[in-house]
PDB file of N, CA and C in Angstrom:
ATOM      1  N   MET A   1     -13.499  10.870 -61.465  1.00  0.00           N
ATOM      2  CA  MET A   1     -12.312  11.694 -61.185  1.00  0.00           C
ATOM      3  C   MET A   1     -11.013  10.661 -61.121  1.00  0.00           C
ATOM      4  N   THR A   2     -10.248  10.596 -61.715  1.00  0.00           N
ATOM      5  CA  THR A   2      -8.924   9.575 -61.890  1.00  0.00           C
ATOM      6  C   THR A   2      -8.009   9.733 -60.448  1.00  0.00           C
ATOM      7  N   ILE A   3      -7.198   8.908 -60.330  1.00  0.00           N
ATOM      8  CA  ILE A   3      -6.054   9.251 -59.568  1.00  0.00           C
ATOM      9  C   ILE A   3      -5.249  10.169 -60.061  1.00  0.00           C
ATOM     10  N   SER A   4      -4.760  10.179 -61.230  1.00  0.00           N
ATOM     11  CA  SER A   4      -3.757  11.230 -61.930  1.00  0.00           C
ATOM     12  C   SER A   4      -4.363  12.463 -61.706  1.00  0.00           C
ATOM     13  N   GLU A   5      -6.021  12.680 -61.892  1.00  0.00           N
ATOM     14  CA  GLU A   5      -6.510  13.856 -62.238  1.00  0.00           C
ATOM     15  C   GLU A   5      -6.604  14.610 -60.699  1.00  0.00           C
ATOM     16  N   VAL A   6      -6.544  13.637 -59.461  1.00  0.00           N
ATOM     17  CA  VAL A   6      -6.326  13.951 -58.205  1.00  0.00           C
ATOM     18  C   VAL A   6      -5.051  14.612 -57.681  1.00  0.00           C
ATOM     19  N   ILE A   7      -4.005  13.855 -58.281  1.00  0.00           N
ATOM     20  CA  ILE A   7      -2.555  13.970 -58.040  1.00  0.00           C
ATOM     21  C   ILE A   7      -2.409  15.434 -58.791  1.00  0.00           C
ATOM     22  N   ALA A   8      -2.711  15.829 -59.673  1.00  0.00           N
ATOM     23  CA  ALA A   8      -2.564  16.872 -60.456  1.00  0.00           C
ATOM     24  C   ALA A   8      -3.520  18.071 -59.741  1.00  0.00           C
ATOM     25  N   LEU A   9      -4.567  17.999 -59.245  1.00  0.00           N
ATOM     26  CA  LEU A   9      -5.447  18.947 -58.513  1.00  0.00           C
ATOM     27  C   LEU A   9      -4.776  19.094 -57.189  1.00  0.00           C
ATOM     28  N   LEU A  10      -4.105  18.304 -56.184  1.00  0.00           N
ATOM     29  CA  LEU A  10      -3.353  18.658 -55.276  1.00  0.00           C
ATOM     30  C   LEU A  10      -2.297  18.681 -55.020  1.00  0.00           C
ATOM     31  N   ASP A  11      -1.683  18.797 -56.356  1.00  0.00           N
ATOM     32  CA  ASP A  11       0.203  18.843 -56.476  1.00  0.00           C
ATOM     33  C   ASP A  11       0.492  18.007 -55.475  1.00  0.00           C
ATOM     34  N   ALA A  12       0.032  16.743 -55.621  1.00  0.00           N
ATOM     35  CA  ALA A  12       0.533  15.801 -54.750  1.00  0.00           C
ATOM     36  C   ALA A  12       1.911  14.809 -55.108  1.00  0.00           C
ATOM     37  N   GLU A  13       2.612  14.532 -53.971  1.00  0.00           N
ATOM     38  CA  GLU A  13       3.670  13.939 -54.512  1.00  0.00           C
ATOM     39  C   GLU A  13       3.169  12.205 -54.619  1.00  0.00           C
ATOM     40  N   VAL A  14       3.796  11.466 -55.495  1.00  0.00           N
ATOM     41  CA  VAL A  14       3.215  10.482 -55.735  1.00  0.00           C
ATOM     42  C   VAL A  14       4.010   9.252 -55.095  1.00  0.00           C
ATOM     43  N   ILE A  15       3.754   8.491 -53.846  1.00  0.00           N
ATOM     44  CA  ILE A  15       4.500   7.608 -53.573  1.00  0.00           C
ATOM     45  C   ILE A  15       4.461   6.222 -53.837  1.00  0.00           C
ATOM     46  N   GLN A  16       3.346   5.919 -54.331  1.00  0.00           N
ATOM     47  CA  GLN A  16       3.013   4.731 -54.754  1.00  0.00           C
ATOM     48  C   GLN A  16       1.743   4.264 -55.877  1.00  0.00           C
ATOM     49  N   ASP A  17       2.285   4.211 -56.975  1.00  0.00           N
ATOM     50  CA  ASP A  17       1.390   3.982 -57.933  1.00  0.00           C
ATOM     51  C   ASP A  17       1.361   2.653 -58.925  1.00  0.00           C
ATOM     52  N   GLU A  18       2.178   1.756 -58.361  1.00  0.00           N
ATOM     53  CA  GLU A  18       2.640   0.611 -59.386  1.00  0.00           C
ATOM     54  C   GLU A  18       1.087  -0.308 -59.333  1.00  0.00           C
ATOM     55  N   LEU A  19       1.133  -1.347 -60.404  1.00  0.00           N
ATOM     56  CA  LEU A  19       0.168  -2.316 -60.257  1.00  0.00           C
ATOM     57  C   LEU A  19       0.561  -2.969 -61.444  1.00  0.00           C
ATOM     58  N   ASP A  20       1.352  -4.071 -61.391  1.00  0.00           N
ATOM     59  CA  ASP A  20       1.739  -5.072 -62.159  1.00  0.00           C
ATOM     60  C   ASP A  20       2.466  -4.705 -63.487  1.00  0.00           C
ATOM     61  N   GLY A  21       3.398  -3.657 -63.042  1.00  0.00           N
ATOM     62  CA  GLY A  21       4.219  -3.364 -64.125  1.00  0.00           C
ATOM     63  C   GLY A  21       3.700  -1.919 -64.857  1.00  0.00           C
ATOM     64  N   GLY A  22       2.426  -1.615 -64.491  1.00  0.00           N
ATOM     65  CA  GLY A  22       1.632  -0.558 -64.847  1.00  0.00           C
ATOM     66  C   GLY A  22       1.479   0.497 -63.871  1.00  0.00           C
ATOM     67  N   THR A  23       0.549   1.317 -63.810  1.00  0.00           N
ATOM     68  CA  THR A  23       0.194   2.528 -62.961  1.00  0.00           C
ATOM     69  C   THR A  23      -1.121   2.440 -62.517  1.00  0.00           C
ATOM     70  N   LEU A  24      -1.592   3.015 -61.259  1.00  0.00           N
ATOM     71  CA  LEU A  24      -2.941   3.109 -61.017  1.00  0.00           C
ATOM     72  C   LEU A  24      -3.597   4.418 -61.220  1.00  0.00           C
ATOM     73  N   ASN A  25      -2.925   5.273 -61.961  1.00  0.00           N
ATOM     74  CA  ASN A  25      -3.278   6.700 -62.193  1.00  0.00           C
ATOM     75  C   ASN A  25      -4.514   6.815 -62.720  1.00  0.00           C
ATOM     76  N   ASP A  26      -5.156   5.644 -64.012  1.00  0.00           N
ATOM     77  CA  ASP A  26      -6.049   5.932 -64.789  1.00  0.00           C
ATOM     78  C   ASP A  26      -7.490   5.287 -64.027  1.00  0.00           C
ATOM     79  N   ALA A  27      -7.294   4.903 -62.636  1.00  0.00           N
ATOM     80  CA  ALA A  27      -8.323   4.369 -62.117  1.00  0.00           C
ATOM     81  C   ALA A  27      -9.406   5.298 -61.348  1.00  0.00           C
ATOM     82  N   GLU A  28     -10.612   5.253 -61.636  1.00  0.00           N
ATOM     83  CA  GLU A  28     -11.639   5.942 -61.399  1.00  0.00           C
ATOM     84  C   GLU A  28     -12.105   6.121 -59.775  1.00  0.00           C
ATOM     85  N   LEU A  29     -12.166   7.329 -59.387  1.00  0.00           N
ATOM     86  CA  LEU A  29     -12.271   7.125 -57.850  1.00  0.00           C
ATOM     87  C   LEU A  29     -14.043   7.470 -57.833  1.00  0.00           C
ATOM     88  N   THR A  30     -14.818   6.796 -56.952  1.00  0.00           N
ATOM     89  CA  THR A  30     -15.982   6.767 -56.772  1.00  0.00           C
ATOM     90  C   THR A  30     -16.840   7.895 -55.387  1.00  0.00           C
ATOM     91  N   GLY A  31     -15.582   8.276 -55.129  1.00  0.00           N
ATOM     92  CA  GLY A  31     -15.826   9.390 -53.946  1.00  0.00           C
ATOM     93  C   GLY A  31     -14.496   9.248 -53.130  1.00  0.00           C
ATOM     94  N   ALA A  32     -14.739  10.031 -51.777  1.00  0.00           N
ATOM     95  CA  ALA A  32     -13.476  10.103 -50.596  1.00  0.00           C
ATOM     96  C   ALA A  32     -14.291  10.163 -49.651  1.00  0.00           C
ATOM     97  N   TYR A  33     -13.221   9.557 -48.390  1.00  0.00           N
ATOM     98  CA  TYR A  33     -13.609   9.707 -47.149  1.00  0.00           C
ATOM     99  C   TYR A  33     -12.599  10.108 -46.417  1.00  0.00           C
ATOM    100  N   THR A  34     -12.854  10.727 -45.270  1.00  0.00           N
ATOM    101  CA  THR A  34     -11.961  11.330 -44.338  1.00  0.00           C
ATOM    102  C   THR A  34     -11.911  11.060 -42.836  1.00  0.00           C
ATOM    103  N   SER A  35     -10.894  10.209 -42.582  1.00  0.00           N
ATOM    104  CA  SER A  35     -10.982   9.903 -41.053  1.00  0.00           C
ATOM    105  C   SER A  35      -9.387   9.261 -40.819  1.00  0.00           C
ATOM    106  N   ASP A  36      -9.176   9.446 -39.500  1.00  0.00           N
ATOM    107  CA  ASP A  36      -8.022   8.860 -38.942  1.00  0.00           C
ATOM    108  C   ASP A  36      -8.185   7.837 -37.755  1.00  0.00           C
ATOM    109  N   LEU A  37      -9.593   7.356 -37.916  1.00  0.00           N
ATOM    110  CA  LEU A  37      -9.744   6.320 -37.192  1.00  0.00           C
ATOM    111  C   LEU A  37     -10.204   5.224 -37.747  1.00  0.00           C
ATOM    112  N   LEU A  38      -9.091   4.069 -38.129  1.00  0.00           N
ATOM    113  CA  LEU A  38      -9.313   3.234 -39.095  1.00  0.00           C
ATOM    114  C   LEU A  38     -10.872   2.107 -38.836  1.00  0.00           C
ATOM    115  N   SER A  39     -11.488   2.010 -37.792  1.00  0.00           N
ATOM    116  CA  SER A  39     -12.245   1.178 -37.741  1.00  0.00           C
ATOM    117  C   SER A  39     -13.725   2.104 -37.926  1.00  0.00           C
ATOM    118  N   ASP A  40     -13.838   3.478 -38.009  1.00  0.00           N
ATOM    119  CA  ASP A  40     -14.678   4.193 -38.887  1.00  0.00           C
ATOM    120  C   ASP A  40     -14.410   4.105 -40.041  1.00  0.00           C
ATOM    121  N   VAL A  41     -13.535   4.100 -40.689  1.00  0.00           N
ATOM    122  CA  VAL A  41     -13.153   3.958 -42.358  1.00  0.00           C
ATOM    123  C   VAL A  41     -13.742   2.379 -42.643  1.00  0.00           C
ATOM    124  N   MET A  42     -13.651   1.513 -41.724  1.00  0.00           N
ATOM    125  CA  MET A  42     -13.927   0.021 -42.159  1.00  0.00           C
ATOM    126  C   MET A  42     -15.595   0.389 -42.348  1.00  0.00           C
ATOM    127  N   ALA A  43     -16.225   1.076 -41.442  1.00  0.00           N
ATOM    128  CA  ALA A  43     -17.643   1.062 -41.098  1.00  0.00           C
ATOM    129  C   ALA A  43     -18.243   1.933 -42.344  1.00  0.00           C
ATOM    130  N   ASN A  44     -17.735   3.024 -42.729  1.00  0.00           N
ATOM    131  CA  ASN A  44     -18.121   4.035 -43.349  1.00  0.00           C
ATOM    132  C   ASN A  44     -17.603   4.277 -44.787  1.00  0.00           C
ATOM    133  N   ALA A  45     -16.575   4.079 -45.069  1.00  0.00           N
ATOM    134  CA  ALA A  45     -16.228   4.488 -46.320  1.00  0.00           C
ATOM    135  C   ALA A  45     -16.896   3.441 -47.219  1.00  0.00           C
ATOM    136  N   LYS A  46     -16.586   4.083 -48.680  1.00  0.00           N
ATOM    137  CA  LYS A  46     -17.297   3.550 -49.744  1.00  0.00           C
ATOM    138  C   LYS A  46     -16.405   2.807 -50.567  1.00  0.00           C
ATOM    139  N   GLU A  47     -16.478   1.886 -51.504  1.00  0.00           N
ATOM    140  CA  GLU A  47     -15.769   1.261 -52.169  1.00  0.00           C
ATOM    141  C   GLU A  47     -15.252   2.178 -53.312  1.00  0.00           C
ATOM    142  N   GLY A  48     -13.970   1.729 -53.824  1.00  0.00           N
ATOM    143  CA  GLY A  48     -13.552   2.403 -54.794  1.00  0.00           C
ATOM    144  C   GLY A  48     -13.081   3.744 -54.777  1.00  0.00           C
ATOM    145  N   GLY A  49     -13.045   4.250 -53.538  1.00  0.00           N
ATOM    146  CA  GLY A  49     -12.857   5.647 -53.307  1.00  0.00           C
ATOM    147  C   GLY A  49     -11.697   6.189 -52.779  1.00  0.00           C
ATOM    148  N   ALA A  50     -11.365   7.477 -52.413  1.00  0.00           N
ATOM    149  CA  ALA A  50      -9.866   7.727 -51.568  1.00  0.00           C
ATOM    150  C   ALA A  50     -10.201   7.893 -50.108  1.00  0.00           C
ATOM    151  N   LEU A  51      -9.216   7.516 -49.576  1.00  0.00           N
ATOM    152  CA  LEU A  51      -8.768   7.826 -48.060  1.00  0.00           C
ATOM    153  C   LEU A  51      -8.101   8.990 -47.873  1.00  0.00           C
ATOM    154  N   ILE A  52      -8.548   9.697 -46.994  1.00  0.00           N
ATOM    155  CA  ILE A  52      -7.777  11.038 -46.506  1.00  0.00           C
ATOM    156  C   ILE A  52      -7.451  11.050 -45.259  1.00  0.00           C
ATOM    157  N   THR A  53      -6.195  10.979 -45.009  1.00  0.00           N
ATOM    158  CA  THR A  53      -5.846  10.588 -43.642  1.00  0.00           C
ATOM    159  C   THR A  53      -4.475  11.196 -43.154  1.00  0.00           C
ATOM    160  N   ILE A  54      -4.024  11.190 -41.808  1.00  0.00           N
ATOM    161  CA  ILE A  54      -3.051  11.368 -41.534  1.00  0.00           C
ATOM    162  C   ILE A  54      -2.238   9.841 -41.092  1.00  0.00           C
ATOM    163  N   GLN A  55      -2.907   9.164 -40.963  1.00  0.00           N
ATOM    164  CA  GLN A  55      -2.266   7.663 -40.606  1.00  0.00           C
ATOM    165  C   GLN A  55      -1.346   6.913 -41.609  1.00  0.00           C
ATOM    166  N   ALA A  56      -0.308   7.052 -41.226  1.00  0.00           N
ATOM    167  CA  ALA A  56       0.772   6.541 -42.451  1.00  0.00           C
ATOM    168  C   ALA A  56       1.398   5.290 -41.794  1.00  0.00           C
ATOM    169  N   HIS A  57       0.813   4.290 -41.994  1.00  0.00           N
ATOM    170  CA  HIS A  57       1.444   2.790 -41.462  1.00  0.00           C
ATOM    171  C   HIS A  57       0.544   1.797 -41.972  1.00  0.00           C
ATOM    172  N   LYS A  58       1.186   0.585 -41.961  1.00  0.00           N
ATOM    173  CA  LYS A  58       0.734  -0.138 -42.834  1.00  0.00           C
ATOM    174  C   LYS A  58      -0.843  -0.903 -42.658  1.00  0.00           C
ATOM    175  N   ASN A  59      -1.385  -0.671 -41.445  1.00  0.00           N
ATOM    176  CA  ASN A  59      -2.753  -0.652 -40.952  1.00  0.00           C
ATOM    177  C   ASN A  59      -3.462  -0.322 -42.041  1.00  0.00           C
ATOM    178  N   THR A  60      -3.340   1.019 -42.291  1.00  0.00           N
ATOM    179  CA  THR A  60      -4.101   1.804 -43.249  1.00  0.00           C
ATOM    180  C   THR A  60      -4.093   1.207 -44.489  1.00  0.00           C
ATOM    181  N   VAL A  61      -3.351   0.439 -45.079  1.00  0.00           N
ATOM    182  CA  VAL A  61      -3.115  -0.107 -46.407  1.00  0.00           C
ATOM    183  C   VAL A  61      -4.281  -1.408 -46.121  1.00  0.00           C
ATOM    184  N   ALA A  62      -4.222  -2.129 -44.970  1.00  0.00           N
ATOM    185  CA  ALA A  62      -4.802  -3.023 -44.607  1.00  0.00           C
ATOM    186  C   ALA A  62      -6.315  -2.844 -44.585  1.00  0.00           C
ATOM    187  N   VAL A  63      -6.898  -1.862 -44.325  1.00  0.00           N
ATOM    188  CA  VAL A  63      -8.355  -1.023 -44.097  1.00  0.00           C
ATOM    189  C   VAL A  63      -8.703  -0.734 -45.496  1.00  0.00           C
ATOM    190  N   ALA A  64      -7.809  -0.297 -46.469  1.00  0.00           N
ATOM    191  CA  ALA A  64      -8.102   0.106 -47.559  1.00  0.00           C
ATOM    192  C   ALA A  64      -8.242  -1.000 -48.471  1.00  0.00           C
ATOM    193  N   VAL A  65      -7.456  -2.176 -48.299  1.00  0.00           N
ATOM    194  CA  VAL A  65      -7.918  -3.559 -48.947  1.00  0.00           C
ATOM    195  C   VAL A  65      -9.049  -3.984 -48.663  1.00  0.00           C
ATOM    196  N   LEU A  66      -9.491  -3.811 -47.227  1.00  0.00           N
ATOM    197  CA  LEU A  66     -11.114  -4.557 -46.506  1.00  0.00           C
ATOM    198  C   LEU A  66     -11.903  -3.812 -47.270  1.00  0.00           C
ATOM    199  N   VAL A  67     -11.807  -2.485 -47.412  1.00  0.00           N
ATOM    200  CA  VAL A  67     -13.068  -1.631 -48.023  1.00  0.00           C
ATOM    201  C   VAL A  67     -13.049  -1.485 -49.542  1.00  0.00           C
ATOM    202  N   ASN A  68     -11.802  -1.883 -50.101  1.00  0.00           N
ATOM    203  CA  ASN A  68     -11.563  -1.596 -51.521  1.00  0.00           C
ATOM    204  C   ASN A  68     -11.408  -0.477 -51.939  1.00  0.00           C
ATOM    205  N   ILE A  69     -10.740   0.451 -51.205  1.00  0.00           N
ATOM    206  CA  ILE A  69     -10.503   1.674 -51.189  1.00  0.00           C
ATOM    207  C   ILE A  69      -9.231   1.956 -52.680  1.00  0.00           C
ATOM    208  N   SER A  70      -9.090   2.487 -53.259  1.00  0.00           N
ATOM    209  CA  SER A  70      -8.124   2.552 -54.412  1.00  0.00           C
ATOM    210  C   SER A  70      -6.986   3.654 -54.182  1.00  0.00           C
ATOM    211  N   LEU A  71      -7.358   4.591 -53.325  1.00  0.00           N
ATOM    212  CA  LEU A  71      -6.143   5.808 -52.959  1.00  0.00           C
ATOM    213  C   LEU A  71      -6.117   6.179 -51.502  1.00  0.00           C
ATOM    214  N   ILE A  72      -4.874   6.330 -51.176  1.00  0.00           N
ATOM    215  CA  ILE A  72      -4.780   6.820 -49.697  1.00  0.00           C
ATOM    216  C   ILE A  72      -4.093   8.158 -49.879  1.00  0.00           C
ATOM    217  N   VAL A  73      -4.627   9.472 -49.350  1.00  0.00           N
ATOM    218  CA  VAL A  73      -3.928  10.570 -49.367  1.00  0.00           C
ATOM    219  C   VAL A  73      -3.500  10.703 -47.948  1.00  0.00           C
ATOM    220  N   VAL A  74      -2.384  10.772 -47.864  1.00  0.00           N
ATOM    221  CA  VAL A  74      -1.331  11.111 -46.571  1.00  0.00           C
ATOM    222  C   VAL A  74      -1.092  12.692 -46.402  1.00  0.00           C
ATOM    223  N   CYS A  75      -1.801  13.271 -45.387  1.00  0.00           N
ATOM    224  CA  CYS A  75      -1.783  14.617 -45.588  1.00  0.00           C
ATOM    225  C   CYS A  75      -0.488  14.937 -44.403  1.00  0.00           C
ATOM    226  N   ASN A  76      -0.434  16.332 -44.255  1.00  0.00           N
ATOM    227  CA  ASN A  76       0.686  17.014 -43.246  1.00  0.00           C
ATOM    228  C   ASN A  76       1.972  16.398 -43.502  1.00  0.00           C
ATOM    229  N   SER A  77       2.419  16.110 -44.687  1.00  0.00           N
ATOM    230  CA  SER A  77       3.803  15.752 -45.392  1.00  0.00           C
ATOM    231  C   SER A  77       4.452  14.674 -44.018  1.00  0.00           C
ATOM    232  N   ARG A  78       3.165  13.734 -43.929  1.00  0.00           N
ATOM    233  CA  ARG A  78       3.771  12.712 -42.710  1.00  0.00           C
ATOM    234  C   ARG A  78       4.821  11.846 -43.406  1.00  0.00           C
ATOM    235  N   PRO A  79       5.982  11.245 -42.934  1.00  0.00           N
ATOM    236  CA  PRO A  79       6.789  10.441 -43.693  1.00  0.00           C
ATOM    237  C   PRO A  79       6.020   8.646 -43.740  1.00  0.00           C
ATOM    238  N   ILE A  80       6.213   8.230 -44.812  1.00  0.00           N
ATOM    239  CA  ILE A  80       5.765   6.971 -45.268  1.00  0.00           C
ATOM    240  C   ILE A  80       6.813   5.999 -44.652  1.00  0.00           C
ATOM    241  N   PRO A  81       6.403   5.210 -43.655  1.00  0.00           N
ATOM    242  CA  PRO A  81       7.310   3.683 -43.689  1.00  0.00           C
ATOM    243  C   PRO A  81       7.432   2.991 -44.579  1.00  0.00           C
ATOM    244  N   GLU A  82       8.619   2.092 -44.592  1.00  0.00           N
ATOM    245  CA  GLU A  82       8.771   1.232 -46.108  1.00  0.00           C
ATOM    246  C   GLU A  82       7.661   0.264 -46.182  1.00  0.00           C
ATOM    247  N   ASP A  83       7.297  -0.122 -44.456  1.00  0.00           N
ATOM    248  CA  ASP A  83       6.632  -1.408 -44.731  1.00  0.00           C
ATOM    249  C   ASP A  83       5.111  -1.093 -45.227  1.00  0.00           C
ATOM    250  N   MET A  84       4.678   0.297 -45.031  1.00  0.00           N
ATOM    251  CA  MET A  84       3.338   0.678 -45.633  1.00  0.00           C
ATOM    252  C   MET A  84       3.571   0.739 -47.096  1.00  0.00           C
ATOM    253  N   LEU A  85       4.388   1.367 -47.497  1.00  0.00           N
ATOM    254  CA  LEU A  85       4.833   1.475 -48.857  1.00  0.00           C
ATOM    255  C   LEU A  85       4.911   0.121 -49.603  1.00  0.00           C
ATOM    256  N   SER A  86       5.417  -1.166 -48.956  1.00  0.00           N
ATOM    257  CA  SER A  86       5.540  -2.402 -49.791  1.00  0.00           C
ATOM    258  C   SER A  86       3.978  -3.177 -49.403  1.00  0.00           C
ATOM    259  N   ALA A  87       3.617  -2.785 -48.643  1.00  0.00           N
ATOM    260  CA  ALA A  87       2.095  -3.355 -48.444  1.00  0.00           C
ATOM    261  C   ALA A  87       1.250  -2.933 -49.514  1.00  0.00           C
ATOM    262  N   ALA A  88       1.381  -1.560 -49.848  1.00  0.00           N
ATOM    263  CA  ALA A  88       0.465  -0.705 -51.099  1.00  0.00           C
ATOM    264  C   ALA A  88       0.914  -1.370 -52.122  1.00  0.00           C
ATOM    265  N   ARG A  89       2.252  -1.438 -52.353  1.00  0.00           N
ATOM    266  CA  ARG A  89       2.847  -2.155 -53.710  1.00  0.00           C
ATOM    267  C   ARG A  89       2.210  -3.547 -53.955  1.00  0.00           C
ATOM    268  N   ASP A  90       2.157  -4.341 -52.805  1.00  0.00           N
ATOM    269  CA  ASP A  90       1.954  -5.684 -53.046  1.00  0.00           C
ATOM    270  C   ASP A  90       0.250  -5.620 -53.232  1.00  0.00           C
ATOM    271  N   GLU A  91      -0.530  -4.646 -52.586  1.00  0.00           N
ATOM    272  CA  GLU A  91      -2.005  -4.582 -52.832  1.00  0.00           C
ATOM    273  C   GLU A  91      -2.632  -3.798 -53.731  1.00  0.00           C
ATOM    274  N   GLY A  92      -1.725  -3.117 -54.491  1.00  0.00           N
ATOM    275  CA  GLY A  92      -2.307  -2.317 -55.721  1.00  0.00           C
ATOM    276  C   GLY A  92      -3.150  -1.190 -55.118  1.00  0.00           C
ATOM    277  N   ILE A  93      -2.630  -0.583 -53.968  1.00  0.00           N
ATOM    278  CA  ILE A  93      -3.213   0.684 -53.555  1.00  0.00           C
ATOM    279  C   ILE A  93      -2.111   2.023 -53.721  1.00  0.00           C
ATOM    280  N   ALA A  94      -2.903   2.798 -54.348  1.00  0.00           N
ATOM    281  CA  ALA A  94      -1.781   3.879 -54.681  1.00  0.00           C
ATOM    282  C   ALA A  94      -1.847   4.982 -53.164  1.00  0.00           C
ATOM    283  N   ILE A  95      -0.619   5.554 -53.193  1.00  0.00           N
ATOM    284  CA  ILE A  95      -0.513   6.284 -51.962  1.00  0.00           C
ATOM    285  C   ILE A  95       0.041   7.860 -52.586  1.00  0.00           C
ATOM    286  N   ILE A  96      -0.441   8.947 -52.141  1.00  0.00           N
ATOM    287  CA  ILE A  96       0.139  10.313 -52.356  1.00  0.00           C
ATOM    288  C   ILE A  96       0.168  10.913 -51.305  1.00  0.00           C
ATOM    289  N   ARG A  97       0.934  11.712 -51.251  1.00  0.00           N
ATOM    290  CA  ARG A  97       1.270  12.618 -50.297  1.00  0.00           C
ATOM    291  C   ARG A  97       1.315  14.202 -50.399  1.00  0.00           C
ATOM    292  N   THR A  98       0.733  14.994 -49.380  1.00  0.00           N
ATOM    293  CA  THR A  98       0.581  16.154 -49.441  1.00  0.00           C
ATOM    294  C   THR A  98       0.843  16.882 -48.297  1.00  0.00           C
ATOM    295  N   ARG A  99       1.292  18.407 -48.527  1.00  0.00           N
ATOM    296  CA  ARG A  99       1.599  19.223 -47.463  1.00  0.00           C
ATOM    297  C   ARG A  99       0.531  19.694 -46.803  1.00  0.00           C
ATOM    298  N   GLU A 100      -0.678  19.788 -47.255  1.00  0.00           N
ATOM    299  CA  GLU A 100      -2.080  20.356 -46.671  1.00  0.00           C
ATOM    300  C   GLU A 100      -2.796  19.342 -45.809  1.00  0.00           C
ATOM    301  N   ASN A 101      -3.528  19.967 -44.787  1.00  0.00           N
ATOM    302  CA  ASN A 101      -4.255  19.103 -43.813  1.00  0.00           C
ATOM    303  C   ASN A 101      -5.247  18.373 -44.605  1.00  0.00           C
ATOM    304  N   GLN A 102      -6.131  17.484 -43.803  1.00  0.00           N
ATOM    305  CA  GLN A 102      -7.316  16.715 -44.097  1.00  0.00           C
ATOM    306  C   GLN A 102      -8.345  17.696 -44.559  1.00  0.00           C
ATOM    307  N   PHE A 103      -8.693  18.595 -44.006  1.00  0.00           N
ATOM    308  CA  PHE A 103      -9.551  19.679 -43.906  1.00  0.00           C
ATOM    309  C   PHE A 103      -9.572  20.154 -45.535  1.00  0.00           C
ATOM    310  N   THR A 104      -8.596  20.876 -45.604  1.00  0.00           N
ATOM    311  CA  THR A 104      -8.305  21.431 -47.101  1.00  0.00           C
ATOM    312  C   THR A 104      -8.335  20.528 -47.965  1.00  0.00           C
ATOM    313  N   ILE A 105      -7.832  19.185 -47.893  1.00  0.00           N
ATOM    314  CA  ILE A 105      -7.841  18.205 -48.960  1.00  0.00           C
ATOM    315  C   ILE A 105      -9.151  18.004 -49.182  1.00  0.00           C
ATOM    316  N   SER A 106     -10.122  17.514 -48.169  1.00  0.00           N
ATOM    317  CA  SER A 106     -11.452  17.350 -48.180  1.00  0.00           C
ATOM    318  C   SER A 106     -11.947  18.163 -49.056  1.00  0.00           C
ATOM    319  N   GLY A 107     -12.120  19.348 -48.423  1.00  0.00           N
ATOM    320  CA  GLY A 107     -12.825  20.578 -49.224  1.00  0.00           C
ATOM    321  C   GLY A 107     -12.459  20.541 -50.891  1.00  0.00           C
ATOM    322  N   LYS A 108     -11.277  20.465 -51.204  1.00  0.00           N
ATOM    323  CA  LYS A 108     -10.661  20.450 -52.500  1.00  0.00           C
ATOM    324  C   LYS A 108     -11.653  19.319 -53.318  1.00  0.00           C
ATOM    325  N   LEU A 109     -11.506  18.195 -52.841  1.00  0.00           N
ATOM    326  CA  LEU A 109     -11.707  16.910 -53.439  1.00  0.00           C
ATOM    327  C   LEU A 109     -13.466  17.035 -53.605  1.00  0.00           C
ATOM    328  N   TYR A 110     -14.207  17.551 -52.389  1.00  0.00           N
ATOM    329  CA  TYR A 110     -15.283  17.317 -52.345  1.00  0.00           C
ATOM    330  C   TYR A 110     -16.107  18.301 -53.252  1.00  0.00           C
ATOM    331  N   GLU A 111     -15.468  19.714 -53.477  1.00  0.00           N
ATOM    332  CA  GLU A 111     -15.838  20.590 -54.857  1.00  0.00           C
ATOM    333  C   GLU A 111     -15.898  19.998 -56.035  1.00  0.00           C
ATOM    334  N   VAL A 112     -14.552  19.528 -56.367  1.00  0.00           N
ATOM    335  CA  VAL A 112     -14.630  19.077 -57.650  1.00  0.00           C
ATOM    336  C   VAL A 112     -15.387  17.370 -57.875  1.00  0.00           C
ATOM    337  N   MET A 113     -15.477  16.973 -57.136  1.00  0.00           N
ATOM    338  CA  MET A 113     -16.291  15.646 -57.464  1.00  0.00           C
ATOM    339  C   MET A 113     -17.823  15.997 -57.443  1.00  0.00           C
ATOM    340  N   LYS A 114     -18.412  16.940 -56.535  1.00  0.00           N
ATOM    341  CA  LYS A 114     -19.566  17.473 -56.344  1.00  0.00           C
ATOM    342  C   LYS A 114     -20.219  18.291 -57.737  1.00  0.00           C
ATOM    343  N   THR A 115     -19.206  19.102 -58.135  1.00  0.00           N
ATOM    344  CA  THR A 115     -19.273  19.958 -59.249  1.00  0.00           C
ATOM    345  C   THR A 115     -19.131  19.477 -60.658  1.00  0.00           C
ATOM    346  N   GLY A 116     -18.024  18.547 -60.410  1.00  0.00           N
ATOM    347  CA  GLY A 116     -17.239  18.101 -61.717  1.00  0.00           C
ATOM    348  C   GLY A 116     -16.206  19.487 -62.570  1.00  0.00           C
ATOM    349  N   ARG A 117     -15.915  20.465 -61.641  1.00  0.00           N
ATOM    350  CA  ARG A 117     -15.026  21.190 -61.966  1.00  0.00           C
ATOM    351  C   ARG A 117     -13.808  21.706 -61.096  1.00  0.00           C
TER     352      ARG A 117
END
């Protein structure tokens, strides 16, 4: 599943998808991990996946870089601070935002990634 497919599935707002003049939307995701505890993400998230969280700050981007996460899905319409946006742009991490909570988003992505539909 690509980032653009996730955006469409979740009807999400694209916050950051730039990468050296192009976009990150064609990046293939390997899975997803849901957590608001960044040390948990560092210990358990898988490379190339999406992070589903309400943690909207630049440290979330730093953790995404450490784990090689491709997409951060910010839930509950949390505001995205400028320093998080700037860090994501610098590091080539996509950020999208949704009104829905982590449970709902996790379920939607799980169903599609597990079954392929």
